[in-house]
Protein backbone atom coordinates (compact mmCIF):
# COMPACT_ATOMS: atom_id res chain seq x y z
CA MET A 1 0.00 0.00 0.00
CA ARG A 2 1.28 3.44 -0.96
CA ARG A 3 -0.18 6.66 0.42
CA ILE A 4 -0.08 9.50 -2.08
CA TYR A 5 -1.26 13.08 -2.25
CA LEU A 6 -1.76 14.26 -5.83
CA SER A 7 -0.99 17.95 -6.26
CA PRO A 8 -3.05 20.28 -8.46
CA THR A 9 -0.15 20.12 -10.95
CA GLY A 10 -0.50 16.33 -11.16
CA GLN A 11 2.65 15.56 -9.17
CA PRO A 12 2.34 12.61 -6.78
CA ARG A 13 3.67 13.30 -3.30
CA LEU A 14 4.73 10.32 -1.19
CA PRO A 15 5.42 10.44 2.56
CA GLN A 16 8.90 11.56 3.52
CA ALA A 17 10.81 10.37 6.57
CA GLY A 18 8.74 10.89 9.70
CA GLU A 19 5.45 11.58 7.90
CA ASN A 20 4.13 7.99 7.53
CA SER A 21 0.58 9.01 6.57
CA HIS A 22 -1.64 11.41 4.67
CA TYR A 23 -2.02 13.40 7.88
CA GLY A 24 1.77 13.62 8.24
CA MET A 25 2.13 14.79 4.64
CA ALA A 26 -0.62 17.35 5.18
CA LEU A 27 1.08 18.75 8.29
CA THR A 28 4.33 19.22 6.37
CA THR A 29 2.56 20.76 3.37
CA LEU A 30 0.41 23.08 5.47
CA GLY A 31 3.40 24.28 7.50
CA PRO A 32 4.39 24.51 11.16
CA ALA A 33 1.96 27.33 11.99
CA TRP A 34 -1.06 25.27 10.89
CA ARG A 35 -3.22 23.81 13.68
CA GLY A 36 -6.18 21.44 13.56
CA THR A 37 -7.42 17.88 13.69
CA ALA A 38 -6.79 15.19 11.07
CA ASP A 39 -10.19 15.97 9.53
CA ASP A 40 -9.23 19.67 9.40
CA ALA A 41 -5.97 18.74 7.65
CA TYR A 42 -7.79 16.72 4.99
CA ALA A 43 -10.21 19.59 4.39
CA ALA A 44 -7.34 22.08 4.17
CA MET A 45 -5.51 19.92 1.62
CA TRP A 46 -8.68 19.50 -0.46
CA ASN A 47 -9.28 23.26 -0.31
CA LEU A 48 -5.79 23.66 -1.79
CA GLY A 49 -6.77 21.28 -4.60
CA TRP A 50 -4.93 18.11 -3.48
CA VAL A 51 -6.37 14.60 -4.03
CA ARG A 52 -5.89 11.88 -1.39
CA VAL A 53 -4.85 8.56 -3.00
CA VAL A 54 -4.04 5.09 -1.71
CA ASP A 55 -2.51 2.64 -4.16
CA TYR A 56 -3.14 -1.01 -3.29
CA GLY A 57 -1.37 -2.31 -6.42
CA ASP A 58 -4.27 -3.37 -8.60
CA LYS A 59 -6.73 -0.90 -7.03
CA MET A 60 -6.33 2.81 -6.47
CA HIS A 61 -8.69 4.70 -4.18
CA ALA A 62 -8.80 8.46 -4.60
CA GLU A 63 -10.91 11.21 -3.10
CA ARG A 64 -11.40 14.92 -2.90
CA TYR A 65 -14.19 16.85 -1.23
CA ASP A 66 -15.30 20.45 -1.68
CA ASP A 67 -17.13 21.99 1.26
CA GLY A 68 -17.91 18.52 2.61
CA ARG A 69 -19.34 17.22 -0.67
CA PRO A 70 -17.61 14.72 -2.97
CA ALA A 71 -15.89 16.47 -5.88
CA LYS A 72 -16.50 15.17 -9.38
CA LEU A 73 -13.64 13.79 -11.44
CA ALA A 74 -14.43 16.53 -13.96
CA ASP A 75 -13.62 19.11 -11.25
CA LEU A 76 -10.00 17.97 -10.99
CA THR A 77 -7.27 19.75 -12.88
CA ASP A 78 -6.33 18.40 -16.30
CA ALA A 79 -3.00 17.27 -14.83
CA GLN A 80 -4.68 15.34 -11.99
CA ARG A 81 -7.11 13.64 -14.35
CA ALA A 82 -4.24 12.74 -16.70
CA TRP A 83 -2.26 11.18 -13.84
CA LEU A 84 -5.26 9.13 -12.71
CA GLU A 85 -6.00 8.09 -16.31
CA ASP A 86 -2.38 6.96 -16.69
CA GLN A 87 -2.85 4.73 -13.64
CA VAL A 88 -5.97 3.17 -15.20
CA LEU A 89 -4.12 2.64 -18.49
CA ALA A 90 -1.40 0.87 -16.48
CA GLY A 91 -4.06 -1.62 -15.33
CA LYS A 92 -5.24 -0.22 -12.01
CA GLU A 93 -8.89 -0.03 -11.05
CA LEU A 94 -9.73 3.53 -9.98
CA ILE A 95 -12.29 3.88 -7.20
CA TRP A 96 -13.28 7.54 -6.86
CA ASN A 97 -14.80 9.11 -3.71
CA ASP A 98 -15.84 5.81 -2.19
CA GLN A 99 -17.69 6.15 1.13
CA VAL A 100 -15.85 3.20 2.68
CA PHE A 101 -12.46 4.63 1.69
CA SER A 102 -13.25 7.96 3.32
CA LEU A 103 -13.59 6.12 6.64
CA THR A 104 -9.92 5.07 6.54
CA THR A 105 -8.66 8.52 7.48
CA GLU A 106 -6.36 8.75 10.49
CA SER A 107 -9.14 10.32 12.54
CA ARG A 108 -11.03 7.04 12.27
CA SER A 109 -8.04 4.74 12.83
CA GLY A 110 -9.90 2.50 15.25
CA GLN A 111 -11.87 1.14 12.30
CA SER A 112 -8.98 0.91 9.86
CA SER A 113 -8.20 -2.81 10.02
CA GLU A 114 -11.75 -3.83 9.10
CA LEU A 115 -12.01 -1.14 6.44
CA VAL A 116 -8.70 -2.06 4.84
CA ALA A 117 -9.90 -5.67 4.68
CA GLN A 118 -13.03 -4.50 2.87
CA LEU A 119 -11.04 -2.33 0.48
CA THR A 120 -8.53 -4.99 -0.45
CA GLY A 121 -10.96 -7.92 -0.39
CA LYS A 122 -8.70 -9.75 2.10
CA ARG A 123 -10.44 -10.86 5.28
């Protein structure tokens, strides 16, 4: 499993040393003065146009929300759509704004093991 944030310019950002998660990447990206919960960090990243992605090898879950509502793929930048399309052309199944995936955020980590099993089909 690879955690990725996809920038508005279509550049994938992977966790650096010490980040280990989407929340960690968000804290670095938002800067040391930023304060808030994990949910606040996700919202801040989405407001900046970033897409949260988890690559499970053959499946890729991606999401972005605008004001609490799921964004449409058509609302992404051309570069983000092109990057996601390249992943599909490489054989990955893209799952966009899936309700179950949204529950895997760090703020809901108590449920993660069951949710990851659902997402990967491995129980």
